[in-house]
Amino acid sequence: MTALERFLDGFIAEPGYLDYARIGPLSAGVVAETLGQTEVLSRARFGSLDHFQAQDERLRTAVARATGFRADQVVSEPNTTTGVMQAMFGLTGAVLLSSGDFPTVPFAAVRAAEALQVVTPLWLATDHGRVTPGQIREQLTPATAAVAVCLVDSRTGHRVDLEGIRQVIGDRLLIVDAIQGFGAVDVPYEVADVVASGGQKWSRAGWGTGFLALSDRAVERLVPVFSGFAGTDVPEPWDEVLPPSRSANAFRVSNGDAIAQARFAAALEEVAEVGIRAIEDAIAVNVSLLIDLADEFAVPVVSSRDDRERAGILVLEPPASQLTLLSIALHNHGVTATTRSGTVRLSTHAALSPDTVDMLRGAFTSYATAVTY
């Protein structure tokens, strides 16, 4: 059995699931990890609890392998939003971003501006939600200190060009919300200064998992506004309030959830075993299959057909009068998808079972029949 085959065997979701951009059902390995760690904690056998302290380093090592950052540049966070908030509240100056990105990014920028009045959001004009290096280059100002982007747009499925953006912004900070691509696509995270992601979607590690990776330049420029006792260089700083660490560790508030860290680390170890490129290639094949199926039934596809511009998201936009018909057809055939803002979003991972394809074909058949009559 190849590494890819072992990885695909870990997909245990029921047929019909095409909503990984919403939540990734836990992998078999993550389920086993969760049960094992929970068993250790439930029994608290003598000497066993020290094991949980090692999960933070285990996660940071796994994230470093996945991103190209050093392990000491990574901190555990409970989700993507917490990591992005840490970065935005630490900024001084103007940050260029799209108001159409997932709310995590614009909300963090605005809340930081309102609270501290040292950050100024600059709203990027985009081409129907697509953030490109050219648009960013044209809208940079001398006051722009940072650029913030979503790696993959959750509504359009568009994947940004990180290398292209780095080339046009120079030494400004590049902040990336990576949640919709992390674990699904092979991208040069190391060109970014700040990368934040959770593990609940494409990594299939469940809720409560996340990280924040910071370049040395980001650590120098960002102020650790939310820095708790765990953000110092002393494990337990009793009797005095010490200054934050001069490392990424400063951006910690408290000790992490060791079992969540173990889940995320286990998921990333599975990815490392097979290789992210193999996963991306498998996802690309599956998305192309879904596009072909949509084309067969004349369901309009509005997301990119170019593998280089997408991840695992396929967006369908039937005429407004037919959206309900498509949603009902998917529901009646047991296909899990997301309907939002006049579109239907299908999102597939490296594993796509024949049963799921058949269920989607049945839904499209019912939809096409209803439209005809």
Protein backbone atom coordinates (compact mmCIF):
# COMPACT_ATOMS: atom_id res chain seq x y z
CA MET A 1 0.00 0.00 0.00
CA THR A 2 1.37 3.42 -0.96
CA ALA A 3 1.50 6.41 1.36
CA LEU A 4 -1.33 8.03 -0.59
CA GLU A 5 -3.48 4.91 -0.31
CA ARG A 6 -2.90 4.81 3.46
CA PHE A 7 -3.87 8.49 3.64
CA LEU A 8 -7.05 7.92 1.64
CA ASP A 9 -7.99 4.98 3.88
CA GLY A 10 -8.19 7.47 6.73
CA PHE A 11 -11.28 9.14 5.24
CA ILE A 12 -14.22 7.65 7.11
CA ALA A 13 -17.01 10.17 6.43
CA GLU A 14 -20.31 8.89 5.07
CA PRO A 15 -20.85 9.04 1.29
CA GLY A 16 -22.29 12.31 0.03
CA TYR A 17 -20.04 14.61 2.03
CA LEU A 18 -18.80 17.52 -0.11
CA ASP A 19 -18.34 20.26 2.47
CA TYR A 20 -14.70 20.22 3.58
CA ALA A 21 -14.54 23.99 3.26
CA ARG A 22 -17.04 24.08 6.12
CA ILE A 23 -15.60 21.33 8.34
CA GLY A 24 -13.40 18.35 7.63
CA PRO A 25 -14.67 15.13 9.23
CA LEU A 26 -11.96 13.74 11.49
CA SER A 27 -9.53 11.29 9.95
CA ALA A 28 -9.29 7.78 11.36
CA GLY A 29 -5.84 8.63 12.71
CA VAL A 30 -7.12 11.74 14.49
CA VAL A 31 -9.99 9.77 16.00
CA ALA A 32 -7.51 7.20 17.33
CA GLU A 33 -5.25 9.96 18.65
CA THR A 34 -8.18 11.63 20.42
CA LEU A 35 -9.31 8.41 22.05
CA GLY A 36 -5.80 7.54 23.16
CA GLN A 37 -5.06 10.96 24.63
CA THR A 38 -8.45 11.10 26.33
CA GLU A 39 -7.84 7.68 27.87
CA VAL A 40 -4.53 8.88 29.32
CA LEU A 41 -6.16 11.98 30.79
CA SER A 42 -9.17 10.11 32.15
CA ARG A 43 -7.01 7.66 34.10
CA ALA A 44 -4.23 10.06 35.11
CA ARG A 45 -1.91 7.18 35.85
CA PHE A 46 1.15 8.14 37.92
CA GLY A 47 3.69 9.95 35.71
CA SER A 48 1.42 10.13 32.68
CA LEU A 49 0.42 13.78 32.81
CA ASP A 50 3.88 15.08 31.88
CA HIS A 51 3.22 13.56 28.49
CA PHE A 52 0.73 16.34 27.70
CA GLN A 53 3.37 19.05 28.08
CA ALA A 54 5.19 17.55 25.08
CA GLN A 55 2.24 18.06 22.74
CA ASP A 56 2.95 21.78 22.26
CA GLU A 57 6.43 21.06 20.88
CA ARG A 58 5.07 18.18 18.83
CA LEU A 59 2.53 20.49 17.17
CA ARG A 60 5.04 23.28 16.56
CA THR A 61 7.40 20.80 14.95
CA ALA A 62 4.63 19.50 12.68
CA VAL A 63 3.58 23.02 11.69
CA ALA A 64 7.19 23.98 10.99
CA ARG A 65 7.50 21.02 8.64
CA ALA A 66 4.29 22.02 6.85
CA THR A 67 5.05 25.73 6.51
CA GLY A 68 8.81 26.12 6.24
CA PHE A 69 8.95 28.24 9.40
CA ARG A 70 11.15 27.23 12.33
CA ALA A 71 9.47 25.53 15.27
CA ASP A 72 10.43 28.46 17.53
CA GLN A 73 8.53 30.78 15.15
CA VAL A 74 5.27 28.90 15.74
CA VAL A 75 2.79 29.21 18.60
CA SER A 76 -0.30 27.14 19.24
CA GLU A 77 -3.62 28.97 19.00
CA PRO A 78 -7.18 27.68 19.46
CA ASN A 79 -8.27 28.78 15.96
CA THR A 80 -7.41 30.93 12.94
CA THR A 81 -9.23 34.00 14.21
CA THR A 82 -7.21 34.22 17.41
CA GLY A 83 -4.00 34.15 15.41
CA VAL A 84 -5.19 36.84 13.00
CA MET A 85 -6.38 39.01 15.90
CA GLN A 86 -2.95 38.73 17.52
CA ALA A 87 -1.34 40.01 14.33
CA MET A 88 -3.79 42.83 13.64
CA PHE A 89 -3.75 44.17 17.18
CA GLY A 90 0.04 44.11 17.07
CA LEU A 91 0.27 46.22 13.91
CA THR A 92 1.14 49.89 13.64
CA GLY A 93 0.29 51.68 10.39
CA ALA A 94 -2.01 50.95 7.48
CA VAL A 95 -3.00 47.44 6.42
CA LEU A 96 -4.32 46.75 2.91
CA LEU A 97 -7.02 44.10 2.75
CA SER A 98 -10.24 43.14 0.98
CA SER A 99 -13.54 43.79 2.71
CA GLY A 100 -14.85 40.76 0.82
CA ASP A 101 -12.51 38.32 2.52
CA PHE A 102 -13.81 35.98 5.20
CA PRO A 103 -14.90 38.11 8.19
CA THR A 104 -11.95 36.99 10.32
CA VAL A 105 -9.59 39.37 8.51
CA PRO A 106 -11.65 42.58 8.12
CA PHE A 107 -13.17 42.26 11.60
CA ALA A 108 -9.73 41.89 13.18
CA ALA A 109 -8.44 44.97 11.33
CA VAL A 110 -11.43 47.13 12.24
CA ARG A 111 -11.55 46.01 15.87
CA ALA A 112 -7.83 46.73 16.23
CA ALA A 113 -8.30 50.17 14.67
CA GLU A 114 -11.22 50.97 16.97
CA ALA A 115 -9.48 49.78 20.12
CA LEU A 116 -5.92 51.03 19.67
CA GLN A 117 -6.19 53.70 16.96
CA VAL A 118 -2.76 52.83 15.58
CA VAL A 119 -3.96 50.58 12.75
CA THR A 120 -5.74 51.88 9.67
CA PRO A 121 -7.58 49.49 7.32
CA LEU A 122 -7.15 50.31 3.63
CA TRP A 123 -9.85 48.58 1.61
CA LEU A 124 -8.61 46.85 -1.51
CA ALA A 125 -10.73 47.14 -4.66
CA THR A 126 -10.88 43.65 -6.19
CA ASP A 127 -12.05 41.99 -9.39
CA HIS A 128 -15.23 40.23 -8.21
CA GLY A 129 -13.53 39.22 -4.98
CA ARG A 130 -10.29 38.02 -6.59
CA VAL A 131 -7.21 39.41 -4.84
CA THR A 132 -4.26 39.65 -7.25
CA PRO A 133 -0.70 40.99 -7.06
CA GLY A 134 -1.52 43.59 -9.72
CA GLN A 135 -4.39 45.05 -7.74
CA ILE A 136 -2.29 45.16 -4.61
CA ARG A 137 0.61 46.87 -6.40
CA GLU A 138 -1.70 49.57 -7.77
CA GLN A 139 -3.27 50.31 -4.37
CA LEU A 140 -0.22 50.32 -2.11
CA THR A 141 0.58 53.64 -0.44
CA PRO A 142 3.72 54.86 1.34
CA ALA A 143 1.82 54.40 4.61
CA THR A 144 0.99 50.74 3.95
CA ALA A 145 2.78 48.68 6.60
CA ALA A 146 1.14 45.34 5.88
CA VAL A 147 -1.03 43.42 3.44
CA ALA A 148 -3.51 40.83 4.69
CA VAL A 149 -5.06 38.14 2.49
CA CYS A 150 -6.96 34.89 2.67
CA LEU A 151 -4.98 32.12 0.99
CA VAL A 152 -8.19 30.76 -0.55
CA ASP A 153 -11.42 32.74 -0.78
CA SER A 154 -14.15 30.74 0.91
CA ARG A 155 -16.86 32.12 -1.39
CA THR A 156 -15.15 32.03 -4.80
CA GLY A 157 -12.55 29.33 -4.24
CA HIS A 158 -9.86 31.63 -5.69
CA ARG A 159 -6.31 30.91 -4.49
CA VAL A 160 -4.03 33.94 -4.17
CA ASP A 161 -0.52 34.10 -5.59
CA LEU A 162 1.61 34.46 -2.46
CA GLU A 163 4.90 34.72 -4.33
CA GLY A 164 3.48 37.35 -6.66
CA ILE A 165 2.14 39.36 -3.73
CA ARG A 166 5.48 39.19 -1.94
CA GLN A 167 7.24 40.50 -5.03
CA VAL A 168 5.04 43.59 -5.27
CA ILE A 169 4.86 44.54 -1.57
CA GLY A 170 8.57 44.53 -0.82
CA ASP A 171 9.42 44.31 2.87
CA ARG A 172 5.93 45.11 4.10
CA LEU A 173 4.42 42.47 6.35
CA LEU A 174 2.38 39.81 4.56
CA ILE A 175 -0.37 38.37 6.76
CA VAL A 176 -2.12 35.22 5.56
CA ASP A 177 -5.31 33.59 6.80
CA ALA A 178 -4.53 30.11 5.46
CA ILE A 179 -7.49 28.09 6.76
CA GLN A 180 -9.10 27.31 3.38
CA GLY A 181 -5.88 25.98 1.88
CA PHE A 182 -3.82 24.61 4.74
CA GLY A 183 -3.61 20.86 4.32
CA ALA A 184 -4.95 21.01 0.76
CA VAL A 185 -2.45 22.92 -1.37
CA ASP A 186 1.31 23.22 -1.65
CA VAL A 187 2.20 26.91 -1.37
CA PRO A 188 5.33 28.83 -0.26
CA TYR A 189 4.18 29.88 3.21
CA GLU A 190 7.73 30.99 3.97
CA VAL A 191 7.29 34.12 1.80
CA ALA A 192 4.70 35.36 4.32
CA ASP A 193 5.48 37.04 7.64
CA VAL A 194 2.37 35.88 9.45
CA VAL A 195 0.47 32.66 8.75
CA ALA A 196 -2.57 31.72 10.82
CA SER A 197 -4.70 28.65 10.36
CA GLY A 198 -6.97 26.24 12.14
CA GLY A 199 -6.95 22.50 11.68
CA GLN A 200 -10.68 21.84 11.51
CA LYS A 201 -11.14 22.01 7.74
CA TRP A 202 -8.68 20.49 5.26
CA SER A 203 -6.36 19.11 7.96
CA ARG A 204 -9.33 17.22 9.48
CA ALA A 205 -8.13 17.74 13.04
CA GLY A 206 -11.35 19.07 14.57
CA TRP A 207 -12.31 22.30 16.30
CA GLY A 208 -10.06 23.97 18.85
CA THR A 209 -6.91 23.49 16.76
CA GLY A 210 -4.77 26.23 15.26
CA PHE A 211 -1.43 27.96 15.03
CA LEU A 212 0.25 31.29 14.40
CA ALA A 213 3.59 31.36 12.56
CA LEU A 214 5.65 34.56 12.66
CA SER A 215 8.78 35.51 10.75
CA ASP A 216 11.62 37.15 12.67
CA ARG A 217 10.64 40.42 10.97
CA ALA A 218 7.05 40.05 12.21
CA VAL A 219 8.23 39.42 15.76
CA GLU A 220 10.29 42.63 15.58
CA ARG A 221 7.48 44.78 14.18
CA LEU A 222 4.37 43.47 15.93
CA VAL A 223 3.49 44.40 19.50
CA PRO A 224 2.27 41.42 21.55
CA VAL A 225 -0.82 43.18 22.89
CA PHE A 226 -2.49 39.98 24.09
CA SER A 227 0.44 38.37 25.87
CA GLY A 228 -0.34 36.34 28.95
CA PHE A 229 1.84 34.60 31.50
CA ALA A 230 2.61 31.88 28.96
CA GLY A 231 4.08 34.52 26.65
CA THR A 232 7.19 35.11 28.74
CA ASP A 233 10.51 33.27 28.74
CA VAL A 234 9.79 31.73 32.14
CA PRO A 235 7.47 28.68 32.39
CA GLU A 236 5.62 29.96 35.49
CA PRO A 237 6.48 33.60 36.32
CA TRP A 238 5.36 33.85 39.92
CA ASP A 239 5.46 37.02 42.04
CA GLU A 240 6.22 39.49 39.24
CA VAL A 241 4.81 40.39 35.83
CA LEU A 242 7.62 39.77 33.36
CA PRO A 243 7.85 41.40 29.93
CA PRO A 244 6.77 39.38 26.89
CA SER A 245 9.29 37.11 25.25
CA ARG A 246 11.20 38.59 22.31
CA SER A 247 10.10 35.64 20.22
CA ALA A 248 6.91 34.27 18.70
CA ASN A 249 6.14 32.85 22.12
CA ALA A 250 5.12 36.37 23.19
CA PHE A 251 1.88 35.90 21.24
CA ARG A 252 0.53 33.30 23.66
CA VAL A 253 -2.13 34.00 26.25
CA SER A 254 -2.19 30.75 28.19
CA ASN A 255 -1.23 27.11 27.93
CA GLY A 256 -2.82 25.30 25.02
CA ASP A 257 -5.25 22.40 24.97
CA ALA A 258 -2.84 19.45 24.88
CA ILE A 259 -5.36 17.04 23.38
CA ALA A 260 -6.26 19.52 20.64
CA GLN A 261 -2.55 19.99 19.97
CA ALA A 262 -2.13 16.23 19.73
CA ARG A 263 -5.05 15.96 17.29
CA PHE A 264 -3.61 18.66 15.06
CA ALA A 265 -0.10 17.21 15.23
CA ALA A 266 -1.39 13.75 14.32
CA ALA A 267 -3.24 15.19 11.32
CA LEU A 268 -0.17 17.05 10.09
CA GLU A 269 2.02 13.99 10.58
CA GLU A 270 -0.33 12.13 8.25
CA VAL A 271 0.02 14.91 5.68
CA ALA A 272 3.81 14.85 5.97
CA GLU A 273 3.89 11.10 5.41
CA VAL A 274 2.13 11.31 2.04
CA GLY A 275 3.33 14.79 1.03
CA ILE A 276 1.20 17.85 0.43
CA ARG A 277 1.86 17.80 -3.32
CA ALA A 278 0.31 14.33 -3.66
CA ILE A 279 -2.73 15.53 -1.71
CA GLU A 280 -3.08 18.64 -3.87
CA ASP A 281 -2.84 16.57 -7.05
CA ALA A 282 -5.55 14.19 -5.84
CA ILE A 283 -7.82 17.09 -4.91
CA ALA A 284 -7.29 18.67 -8.34
CA VAL A 285 -8.36 15.46 -10.05
CA ASN A 286 -11.49 15.25 -7.91
CA VAL A 287 -12.47 18.88 -8.45
CA SER A 288 -12.06 18.41 -12.20
CA LEU A 289 -14.35 15.39 -12.01
CA LEU A 290 -17.00 17.46 -10.24
CA ILE A 291 -16.64 20.25 -12.82
CA ASP A 292 -17.15 17.74 -15.63
CA LEU A 293 -20.26 16.44 -13.88
CA ALA A 294 -21.66 19.95 -13.47
CA ASP A 295 -20.95 20.69 -17.12
CA GLU A 296 -22.75 17.51 -18.16
CA PHE A 297 -25.94 18.81 -16.55
CA ALA A 298 -25.36 22.45 -17.54
CA VAL A 299 -25.00 23.62 -13.94
CA PRO A 300 -23.10 26.94 -14.19
CA VAL A 301 -19.60 26.81 -12.66
CA VAL A 302 -18.32 30.23 -11.56
CA SER A 303 -15.15 29.22 -9.71
CA SER A 304 -11.86 28.87 -11.54
CA ARG A 305 -11.22 25.83 -13.74
CA ASP A 306 -7.46 26.38 -13.48
CA ASP A 307 -5.74 24.11 -10.94
CA ARG A 308 -3.27 26.89 -10.14
CA GLU A 309 -6.03 29.28 -9.10
CA ARG A 310 -8.09 27.01 -6.90
CA ALA A 311 -7.87 24.52 -4.04
CA GLY A 312 -10.70 22.11 -3.25
CA ILE A 313 -13.67 24.45 -3.72
CA LEU A 314 -16.14 24.36 -6.61
CA VAL A 315 -18.79 27.10 -6.78
CA LEU A 316 -22.02 26.69 -8.71
CA GLU A 317 -24.33 29.59 -9.52
CA PRO A 318 -27.61 28.55 -11.12
CA PRO A 319 -30.16 31.20 -12.08
CA ALA A 320 -31.65 32.71 -8.93
CA SER A 321 -35.03 31.16 -9.70
CA GLN A 322 -33.41 27.70 -9.76
CA LEU A 323 -31.20 27.90 -6.67
CA THR A 324 -33.83 26.36 -4.41
CA LEU A 325 -34.37 23.52 -6.87
CA LEU A 326 -30.66 22.68 -6.80
CA SER A 327 -30.46 22.90 -3.03
CA ILE A 328 -33.50 20.63 -2.64
CA ALA A 329 -32.06 18.12 -5.11
CA LEU A 330 -28.78 17.95 -3.20
CA HIS A 331 -30.63 17.55 0.09
CA ASN A 332 -32.92 14.83 -1.22
CA HIS A 333 -29.96 12.83 -2.51
CA GLY A 334 -27.98 13.15 0.71
CA VAL A 335 -25.27 15.46 -0.60
CA THR A 336 -23.83 17.77 2.05
CA ALA A 337 -22.87 21.17 0.60
CA THR A 338 -23.07 24.85 1.51
CA THR A 339 -25.65 27.20 -0.03
CA ARG A 340 -24.82 30.86 0.48
CA SER A 341 -25.38 34.20 -1.27
CA GLY A 342 -26.97 32.72 -4.36
CA THR A 343 -24.38 30.00 -4.87
CA VAL A 344 -23.83 26.36 -3.98
CA ARG A 345 -20.33 25.48 -2.79
CA LEU A 346 -19.05 21.94 -3.18
CA SER A 347 -15.69 21.14 -1.62
CA THR A 348 -13.90 17.83 -2.02
CA HIS A 349 -10.72 16.42 -0.54
CA ALA A 350 -8.22 13.87 -1.83
CA ALA A 351 -10.74 11.07 -1.30
CA LEU A 352 -13.91 11.07 -3.41
CA SER A 353 -15.88 7.84 -3.32
CA PRO A 354 -17.83 6.48 -6.30
CA ASP A 355 -20.94 6.51 -4.09
CA THR A 356 -20.55 10.25 -3.52
CA VAL A 357 -20.19 10.85 -7.25
CA ASP A 358 -23.31 8.78 -7.90
CA MET A 359 -25.25 10.72 -5.29
CA LEU A 360 -24.21 14.02 -6.85
CA ARG A 361 -25.12 12.72 -10.30
CA GLY A 362 -28.54 11.79 -8.97
CA ALA A 363 -28.98 15.27 -7.50
CA PHE A 364 -27.98 16.94 -10.77
CA THR A 365 -30.35 14.64 -12.68
CA SER A 366 -33.25 15.61 -10.41
CA TYR A 367 -32.33 19.27 -10.73
CA ALA A 368 -32.11 19.13 -14.52
CA THR A 369 -35.45 17.34 -14.68
CA ALA A 370 -37.13 19.91 -12.45
CA VAL A 371 -35.72 22.77 -14.49
CA THR A 372 -36.98 21.20 -17.72
CA TYR A 373 -40.50 20.93 -16.40
